[in-house]
Amino acid sequence: MELTKHLLVARLLPSIKIQRLAAHKEIYRIQIMKITRNIGMLLLAVYLIVDGLLGFGLNLGPAIFLLYLLAIIAGVLILLGK
């Protein structure tokens, strides 16, 4: 049974087209990071970064309510599609 499977696979392999990279062509491309213009996503990104920093011991004290306000604004803007 195993021999039959191996023979079948050996017959099918030549029919499969495999794309290969040429050695003389460029392999790596560097792309510039594009920042989104969606203000809701930008605010969400800021919120997630600050929230992650809080886990490492960042202390905002009583100004923590600004983080909650930022999360609410980001959520509303994402829902509105802005």
PDB file of N, CA and C in Angstrom:
ATOM      1  N   MET A   1       0.831  -1.194   0.000  1.00  0.00           N
ATOM      2  CA  MET A   1       0.000   0.000   0.000  1.00  0.00           C
ATOM      3  C   MET A   1       0.874   1.256   0.000  1.00  0.00           C
ATOM      4  N   GLU A   2       1.896   1.277   0.833  1.00  0.00           N
ATOM      5  CA  GLU A   2       2.779   2.439   0.917  1.00  0.00           C
ATOM      6  C   GLU A   2       3.525   2.648  -0.393  1.00  0.00           C
ATOM      7  N   LEU A   3       3.952   1.566  -1.019  1.00  0.00           N
ATOM      8  CA  LEU A   3       4.670   1.662  -2.286  1.00  0.00           C
ATOM      9  C   LEU A   3       3.771   2.264  -3.358  1.00  0.00           C
ATOM     10  N   THR A   4       2.504   1.904  -3.352  1.00  0.00           N
ATOM     11  CA  THR A   4       1.560   2.448  -4.319  1.00  0.00           C
ATOM     12  C   THR A   4       1.398   3.949  -4.142  1.00  0.00           C
ATOM     13  N   LYS A   5       1.334   4.406  -2.902  1.00  0.00           N
ATOM     14  CA  LYS A   5       1.210   5.841  -2.627  1.00  0.00           C
ATOM     15  C   LYS A   5       2.439   6.583  -3.125  1.00  0.00           C
ATOM     16  N   HIS A   6       3.619   6.039  -2.868  1.00  0.00           N
ATOM     17  CA  HIS A   6       4.854   6.692  -3.285  1.00  0.00           C
ATOM     18  C   HIS A   6       4.955   6.757  -4.808  1.00  0.00           C
ATOM     19  N   LEU A   7       4.538   5.700  -5.489  1.00  0.00           N
ATOM     20  CA  LEU A   7       4.573   5.705  -6.945  1.00  0.00           C
ATOM     21  C   LEU A   7       3.579   6.716  -7.520  1.00  0.00           C
ATOM     22  N   LEU A   8       2.415   6.818  -6.910  1.00  0.00           N
ATOM     23  CA  LEU A   8       1.413   7.770  -7.358  1.00  0.00           C
ATOM     24  C   LEU A   8       1.908   9.201  -7.170  1.00  0.00           C
ATOM     25  N   VAL A   9       2.510   9.474  -6.027  1.00  0.00           N
ATOM     26  CA  VAL A   9       3.053  10.801  -5.757  1.00  0.00           C
ATOM     27  C   VAL A   9       4.184  11.111  -6.728  1.00  0.00           C
ATOM     28  N   ALA A  10       5.027  10.145  -7.025  1.00  0.00           N
ATOM     29  CA  ALA A  10       6.144  10.347  -7.948  1.00  0.00           C
ATOM     30  C   ALA A  10       5.637  10.664  -9.352  1.00  0.00           C
ATOM     31  N   ARG A  11       4.506  10.089  -9.743  1.00  0.00           N
ATOM     32  CA  ARG A  11       3.944  10.372 -11.058  1.00  0.00           C
ATOM     33  C   ARG A  11       3.305  11.754 -11.105  1.00  0.00           C
ATOM     34  N   LEU A  12       2.735  12.204 -10.006  1.00  0.00           N
ATOM     35  CA  LEU A  12       2.039  13.491  -9.979  1.00  0.00           C
ATOM     36  C   LEU A  12       2.995  14.678  -9.858  1.00  0.00           C
ATOM     37  N   LEU A  13       4.143  14.472  -9.250  1.00  0.00           N
ATOM     38  CA  LEU A  13       5.055  15.590  -9.021  1.00  0.00           C
ATOM     39  C   LEU A  13       5.517  16.292 -10.289  1.00  0.00           C
ATOM     40  N   PRO A  14       5.874  15.606 -11.369  1.00  0.00           N
ATOM     41  CA  PRO A  14       6.304  16.335 -12.570  1.00  0.00           C
ATOM     42  C   PRO A  14       5.208  17.220 -13.163  1.00  0.00           C
ATOM     43  N   SER A  15       3.938  16.902 -12.913  1.00  0.00           N
ATOM     44  CA  SER A  15       2.854  17.700 -13.477  1.00  0.00           C
ATOM     45  C   SER A  15       2.566  18.955 -12.653  1.00  0.00           C
ATOM     46  N   ILE A  16       3.112  19.058 -11.450  1.00  0.00           N
ATOM     47  CA  ILE A  16       2.890  20.220 -10.596  1.00  0.00           C
ATOM     48  C   ILE A  16       3.919  21.281 -10.946  1.00  0.00           C
ATOM     49  N   LYS A  17       3.430  22.478 -11.253  1.00  0.00           N
ATOM     50  CA  LYS A  17       4.328  23.575 -11.584  1.00  0.00           C
ATOM     51  C   LYS A  17       4.757  24.259 -10.291  1.00  0.00           C
ATOM     52  N   ILE A  18       6.046  24.362 -10.085  1.00  0.00           N
ATOM     53  CA  ILE A  18       6.585  24.990  -8.884  1.00  0.00           C
ATOM     54  C   ILE A  18       7.329  26.243  -9.308  1.00  0.00           C
ATOM     55  N   GLN A  19       6.933  27.383  -8.736  1.00  0.00           N
ATOM     56  CA  GLN A  19       7.621  28.627  -9.040  1.00  0.00           C
ATOM     57  C   GLN A  19       8.874  28.716  -8.190  1.00  0.00           C
ATOM     58  N   ARG A  20       9.958  29.070  -8.820  1.00  0.00           N
ATOM     59  CA  ARG A  20      11.224  29.176  -8.117  1.00  0.00           C
ATOM     60  C   ARG A  20      11.775  30.583  -8.292  1.00  0.00           C
ATOM     61  N   LEU A  21      12.497  31.032  -7.277  1.00  0.00           N
ATOM     62  CA  LEU A  21      13.135  32.334  -7.341  1.00  0.00           C
ATOM     63  C   LEU A  21      14.452  32.228  -8.091  1.00  0.00           C
ATOM     64  N   ALA A  22      14.680  33.161  -8.954  1.00  0.00           N
ATOM     65  CA  ALA A  22      15.970  33.192  -9.641  1.00  0.00           C
ATOM     66  C   ALA A  22      16.992  33.854  -8.715  1.00  0.00           C
ATOM     67  N   ALA A  23      18.211  33.375  -8.759  1.00  0.00           N
ATOM     68  CA  ALA A  23      19.245  33.876  -7.853  1.00  0.00           C
ATOM     69  C   ALA A  23      19.646  35.305  -8.177  1.00  0.00           C
ATOM     70  N   HIS A  24      19.486  35.720  -9.418  1.00  0.00           N
ATOM     71  CA  HIS A  24      19.932  37.054  -9.795  1.00  0.00           C
ATOM     72  C   HIS A  24      18.854  38.119  -9.583  1.00  0.00           C
ATOM     73  N   LYS A  25      17.658  37.710  -9.210  1.00  0.00           N
ATOM     74  CA  LYS A  25      16.580  38.676  -8.998  1.00  0.00           C
ATOM     75  C   LYS A  25      16.557  39.147  -7.542  1.00  0.00           C
ATOM     76  N   GLU A  26      15.910  40.279  -7.359  1.00  0.00           N
ATOM     77  CA  GLU A  26      15.783  40.867  -6.027  1.00  0.00           C
ATOM     78  C   GLU A  26      14.870  39.988  -5.168  1.00  0.00           C
ATOM     79  N   ILE A  27      15.317  39.665  -3.976  1.00  0.00           N
ATOM     80  CA  ILE A  27      14.531  38.814  -3.093  1.00  0.00           C
ATOM     81  C   ILE A  27      13.774  39.652  -2.063  1.00  0.00           C
ATOM     82  N   TYR A  28      14.426  40.649  -1.498  1.00  0.00           N
ATOM     83  CA  TYR A  28      13.813  41.456  -0.448  1.00  0.00           C
ATOM     84  C   TYR A  28      13.391  42.809  -0.995  1.00  0.00           C
ATOM     85  N   ARG A  29      12.226  43.242  -0.598  1.00  0.00           N
ATOM     86  CA  ARG A  29      11.767  44.577  -0.950  1.00  0.00           C
ATOM     87  C   ARG A  29      11.417  45.304   0.344  1.00  0.00           C
ATOM     88  N   ILE A  30      11.897  46.518   0.462  1.00  0.00           N
ATOM     89  CA  ILE A  30      11.610  47.321   1.643  1.00  0.00           C
ATOM     90  C   ILE A  30      10.470  48.264   1.289  1.00  0.00           C
ATOM     91  N   GLN A  31       9.410  48.196   2.067  1.00  0.00           N
ATOM     92  CA  GLN A  31       8.269  49.065   1.827  1.00  0.00           C
ATOM     93  C   GLN A  31       8.136  50.045   2.979  1.00  0.00           C
ATOM     94  N   ILE A  32       7.737  51.252   2.664  1.00  0.00           N
ATOM     95  CA  ILE A  32       7.530  52.276   3.680  1.00  0.00           C
ATOM     96  C   ILE A  32       6.206  52.001   4.368  1.00  0.00           C
ATOM     97  N   MET A  33       6.207  52.099   5.697  1.00  0.00           N
ATOM     98  CA  MET A  33       4.990  51.857   6.462  1.00  0.00           C
ATOM     99  C   MET A  33       3.990  52.973   6.197  1.00  0.00           C
ATOM    100  N   LYS A  34       2.790  52.606   5.853  1.00  0.00           N
ATOM    101  CA  LYS A  34       1.750  53.588   5.585  1.00  0.00           C
ATOM    102  C   LYS A  34       0.897  53.759   6.837  1.00  0.00           C
ATOM    103  N   ILE A  35       0.728  54.985   7.260  1.00  0.00           N
ATOM    104  CA  ILE A  35      -0.101  55.276   8.431  1.00  0.00           C
ATOM    105  C   ILE A  35      -1.517  55.552   7.941  1.00  0.00           C
ATOM    106  N   THR A  36      -2.481  54.951   8.592  1.00  0.00           N
ATOM    107  CA  THR A  36      -3.871  55.090   8.183  1.00  0.00           C
ATOM    108  C   THR A  36      -4.368  56.513   8.400  1.00  0.00           C
ATOM    109  N   ARG A  37      -5.304  56.900   7.582  1.00  0.00           N
ATOM    110  CA  ARG A  37      -5.909  58.223   7.733  1.00  0.00           C
ATOM    111  C   ARG A  37      -7.211  58.140   8.519  1.00  0.00           C
ATOM    112  N   ASN A  38      -7.579  56.958   8.926  1.00  0.00           N
ATOM    113  CA  ASN A  38      -8.793  56.756   9.702  1.00  0.00           C
ATOM    114  C   ASN A  38      -8.503  57.167  11.149  1.00  0.00           C
ATOM    115  N   ILE A  39      -9.116  58.257  11.589  1.00  0.00           N
ATOM    116  CA  ILE A  39      -8.834  58.814  12.915  1.00  0.00           C
ATOM    117  C   ILE A  39      -9.239  57.849  14.026  1.00  0.00           C
ATOM    118  N   GLY A  40     -10.287  57.072  13.805  1.00  0.00           N
ATOM    119  CA  GLY A  40     -10.705  56.099  14.806  1.00  0.00           C
ATOM    120  C   GLY A  40      -9.647  55.025  15.023  1.00  0.00           C
ATOM    121  N   MET A  41      -9.055  54.555  13.945  1.00  0.00           N
ATOM    122  CA  MET A  41      -8.006  53.544  14.055  1.00  0.00           C
ATOM    123  C   MET A  41      -6.741  54.117  14.687  1.00  0.00           C
ATOM    124  N   LEU A  42      -6.439  55.380  14.379  1.00  0.00           N
ATOM    125  CA  LEU A  42      -5.275  56.015  15.013  1.00  0.00           C
ATOM    126  C   LEU A  42      -5.469  56.127  16.525  1.00  0.00           C
ATOM    127  N   LEU A  43      -6.666  56.535  16.926  1.00  0.00           N
ATOM    128  CA  LEU A  43      -6.942  56.634  18.366  1.00  0.00           C
ATOM    129  C   LEU A  43      -6.915  55.263  19.033  1.00  0.00           C
ATOM    130  N   LEU A  44      -7.416  54.254  18.327  1.00  0.00           N
ATOM    131  CA  LEU A  44      -7.365  52.895  18.860  1.00  0.00           C
ATOM    132  C   LEU A  44      -5.918  52.441  19.029  1.00  0.00           C
ATOM    133  N   ALA A  45      -5.074  52.776  18.061  1.00  0.00           N
ATOM    134  CA  ALA A  45      -3.657  52.420  18.158  1.00  0.00           C
ATOM    135  C   ALA A  45      -3.004  53.089  19.358  1.00  0.00           C
ATOM    136  N   VAL A  46      -3.304  54.368  19.565  1.00  0.00           N
ATOM    137  CA  VAL A  46      -2.741  55.086  20.724  1.00  0.00           C
ATOM    138  C   VAL A  46      -3.240  54.457  22.012  1.00  0.00           C
ATOM    139  N   TYR A  47      -4.536  54.140  22.059  1.00  0.00           N
ATOM    140  CA  TYR A  47      -5.103  53.507  23.252  1.00  0.00           C
ATOM    141  C   TYR A  47      -4.404  52.186  23.558  1.00  0.00           C
ATOM    142  N   LEU A  48      -4.220  51.366  22.537  1.00  0.00           N
ATOM    143  CA  LEU A  48      -3.597  50.054  22.756  1.00  0.00           C
ATOM    144  C   LEU A  48      -2.148  50.186  23.211  1.00  0.00           C
ATOM    145  N   ILE A  49      -1.436  51.160  22.674  1.00  0.00           N
ATOM    146  CA  ILE A  49      -0.053  51.367  23.100  1.00  0.00           C
ATOM    147  C   ILE A  49      -0.001  51.807  24.555  1.00  0.00           C
ATOM    148  N   VAL A  50      -0.825  52.776  24.918  1.00  0.00           N
ATOM    149  CA  VAL A  50      -0.823  53.261  26.306  1.00  0.00           C
ATOM    150  C   VAL A  50      -1.304  52.169  27.246  1.00  0.00           C
ATOM    151  N   ASP A  51      -2.326  51.416  26.853  1.00  0.00           N
ATOM    152  CA  ASP A  51      -2.824  50.327  27.691  1.00  0.00           C
ATOM    153  C   ASP A  51      -1.745  49.263  27.894  1.00  0.00           C
ATOM    154  N   GLY A  52      -0.980  48.994  26.851  1.00  0.00           N
ATOM    155  CA  GLY A  52       0.126  48.052  26.989  1.00  0.00           C
ATOM    156  C   GLY A  52       1.199  48.575  27.924  1.00  0.00           C
ATOM    157  N   LEU A  53       1.479  49.869  27.863  1.00  0.00           N
ATOM    158  CA  LEU A  53       2.468  50.463  28.764  1.00  0.00           C
ATOM    159  C   LEU A  53       2.009  50.427  30.216  1.00  0.00           C
ATOM    160  N   LEU A  54       0.701  50.498  30.430  1.00  0.00           N
ATOM    161  CA  LEU A  54       0.175  50.401  31.797  1.00  0.00           C
ATOM    162  C   LEU A  54       0.501  49.038  32.403  1.00  0.00           C
ATOM    163  N   GLY A  55       0.523  48.028  31.592  1.00  0.00           N
ATOM    164  CA  GLY A  55       0.874  46.694  32.061  1.00  0.00           C
ATOM    165  C   GLY A  55       2.322  46.595  32.499  1.00  0.00           C
ATOM    166  N   PHE A  56       3.168  47.473  31.973  1.00  0.00           N
ATOM    167  CA  PHE A  56       4.582  47.489  32.352  1.00  0.00           C
ATOM    168  C   PHE A  56       4.864  48.444  33.495  1.00  0.00           C
ATOM    169  N   GLY A  57       3.823  49.034  34.064  1.00  0.00           N
ATOM    170  CA  GLY A  57       4.022  49.864  35.250  1.00  0.00           C
ATOM    171  C   GLY A  57       3.886  51.353  35.031  1.00  0.00           C
ATOM    172  N   LEU A  58       3.458  51.775  33.836  1.00  0.00           N
ATOM    173  CA  LEU A  58       3.219  53.204  33.609  1.00  0.00           C
ATOM    174  C   LEU A  58       2.095  53.654  34.521  1.00  0.00           C
ATOM    175  N   ASN A  59       2.321  54.720  35.270  1.00  0.00           N
ATOM    176  CA  ASN A  59       1.322  55.200  36.222  1.00  0.00           C
ATOM    177  C   ASN A  59       0.806  56.554  35.752  1.00  0.00           C
ATOM    178  N   LEU A  60      -0.469  56.593  35.367  1.00  0.00           N
ATOM    179  CA  LEU A  60      -1.080  57.846  34.930  1.00  0.00           C
ATOM    180  C   LEU A  60      -1.811  58.554  36.060  1.00  0.00           C
ATOM    181  N   GLY A  61      -1.979  57.888  37.170  1.00  0.00           N
ATOM    182  CA  GLY A  61      -2.663  58.491  38.316  1.00  0.00           C
ATOM    183  C   GLY A  61      -4.106  58.820  37.982  1.00  0.00           C
ATOM    184  N   PRO A  62      -4.553  59.997  38.427  1.00  0.00           N
ATOM    185  CA  PRO A  62      -5.961  60.351  38.173  1.00  0.00           C
ATOM    186  C   PRO A  62      -6.253  60.635  36.689  1.00  0.00           C
ATOM    187  N   ALA A  63      -5.237  60.795  35.868  1.00  0.00           N
ATOM    188  CA  ALA A  63      -5.464  61.071  34.454  1.00  0.00           C
ATOM    189  C   ALA A  63      -5.825  59.810  33.669  1.00  0.00           C
ATOM    190  N   ILE A  64      -6.030  58.707  34.367  1.00  0.00           N
ATOM    191  CA  ILE A  64      -6.382  57.459  33.698  1.00  0.00           C
ATOM    192  C   ILE A  64      -7.724  57.575  32.988  1.00  0.00           C
ATOM    193  N   PHE A  65      -8.584  58.501  33.458  1.00  0.00           N
ATOM    194  CA  PHE A  65      -9.876  58.670  32.811  1.00  0.00           C
ATOM    195  C   PHE A  65      -9.711  59.123  31.357  1.00  0.00           C
ATOM    196  N   LEU A  66      -8.575  59.763  31.041  1.00  0.00           N
ATOM    197  CA  LEU A  66      -8.322  60.161  29.655  1.00  0.00           C
ATOM    198  C   LEU A  66      -8.181  58.937  28.747  1.00  0.00           C
ATOM    199  N   LEU A  67      -7.624  57.881  29.293  1.00  0.00           N
ATOM    200  CA  LEU A  67      -7.492  56.648  28.521  1.00  0.00           C
ATOM    201  C   LEU A  67      -8.864  56.055  28.228  1.00  0.00           C
ATOM    202  N   TYR A  68      -9.754  56.096  29.211  1.00  0.00           N
ATOM    203  CA  TYR A  68     -11.103  55.576  29.000  1.00  0.00           C
ATOM    204  C   TYR A  68     -11.862  56.446  27.997  1.00  0.00           C
ATOM    205  N   LEU A  69     -11.663  57.745  28.090  1.00  0.00           N
ATOM    206  CA  LEU A  69     -12.292  58.662  27.156  1.00  0.00           C
ATOM    207  C   LEU A  69     -11.765  58.427  25.735  1.00  0.00           C
ATOM    208  N   LEU A  70     -10.488  58.187  25.618  1.00  0.00           N
ATOM    209  CA  LEU A  70      -9.870  57.889  24.324  1.00  0.00           C
ATOM    210  C   LEU A  70     -10.468  56.623  23.721  1.00  0.00           C
ATOM    211  N   ALA A  71     -10.676  55.607  24.559  1.00  0.00           N
ATOM    212  CA  ALA A  71     -11.260  54.354  24.075  1.00  0.00           C
ATOM    213  C   ALA A  71     -12.688  54.568  23.574  1.00  0.00           C
ATOM    214  N   ILE A  72     -13.472  55.365  24.270  1.00  0.00           N
ATOM    215  CA  ILE A  72     -14.850  55.629  23.861  1.00  0.00           C
ATOM    216  C   ILE A  72     -14.879  56.391  22.535  1.00  0.00           C
ATOM    217  N   ILE A  73     -14.040  57.417  22.422  1.00  0.00           N
ATOM    218  CA  ILE A  73     -14.001  58.212  21.198  1.00  0.00           C
ATOM    219  C   ILE A  73     -13.549  57.354  20.020  1.00  0.00           C
ATOM    220  N   ALA A  74     -12.534  56.534  20.237  1.00  0.00           N
ATOM    221  CA  ALA A  74     -12.044  55.668  19.156  1.00  0.00           C
ATOM    222  C   ALA A  74     -13.139  54.706  18.704  1.00  0.00           C
ATOM    223  N   GLY A  75     -13.837  54.112  19.650  1.00  0.00           N
ATOM    224  CA  GLY A  75     -14.924  53.183  19.304  1.00  0.00           C
ATOM    225  C   GLY A  75     -16.023  53.843  18.517  1.00  0.00           C
ATOM    226  N   VAL A  76     -16.438  55.038  18.918  1.00  0.00           N
ATOM    227  CA  VAL A  76     -17.488  55.758  18.212  1.00  0.00           C
ATOM    228  C   VAL A  76     -17.053  56.118  16.797  1.00  0.00           C
ATOM    229  N   LEU A  77     -15.812  56.603  16.663  1.00  0.00           N
ATOM    230  CA  LEU A  77     -15.328  56.984  15.331  1.00  0.00           C
ATOM    231  C   LEU A  77     -15.182  55.775  14.411  1.00  0.00           C
ATOM    232  N   ILE A  78     -14.783  54.635  14.959  1.00  0.00           N
ATOM    233  CA  ILE A  78     -14.699  53.430  14.136  1.00  0.00           C
ATOM    234  C   ILE A  78     -16.075  52.998  13.685  1.00  0.00           C
ATOM    235  N   LEU A  79     -17.054  53.059  14.592  1.00  0.00           N
ATOM    236  CA  LEU A  79     -18.420  52.700  14.217  1.00  0.00           C
ATOM    237  C   LEU A  79     -19.001  53.646  13.166  1.00  0.00           C
ATOM    238  N   LEU A  80     -18.644  54.917  13.237  1.00  0.00           N
ATOM    239  CA  LEU A  80     -19.116  55.895  12.253  1.00  0.00           C
ATOM    240  C   LEU A  80     -18.353  55.787  10.934  1.00  0.00           C
ATOM    241  N   GLY A  81     -17.234  55.092  10.952  1.00  0.00           N
ATOM    242  CA  GLY A  81     -16.453  54.913   9.743  1.00  0.00           C
ATOM    243  C   GLY A  81     -15.522  56.073   9.440  1.00  0.00           C
ATOM    244  N   LYS A  82     -15.154  56.811  10.454  1.00  0.00           N
ATOM    245  CA  LYS A  82     -14.262  57.967  10.235  1.00  0.00           C
ATOM    246  C   LYS A  82     -12.872  57.667  10.737  1.00  0.00           C
TER     247      LYS A  82
END
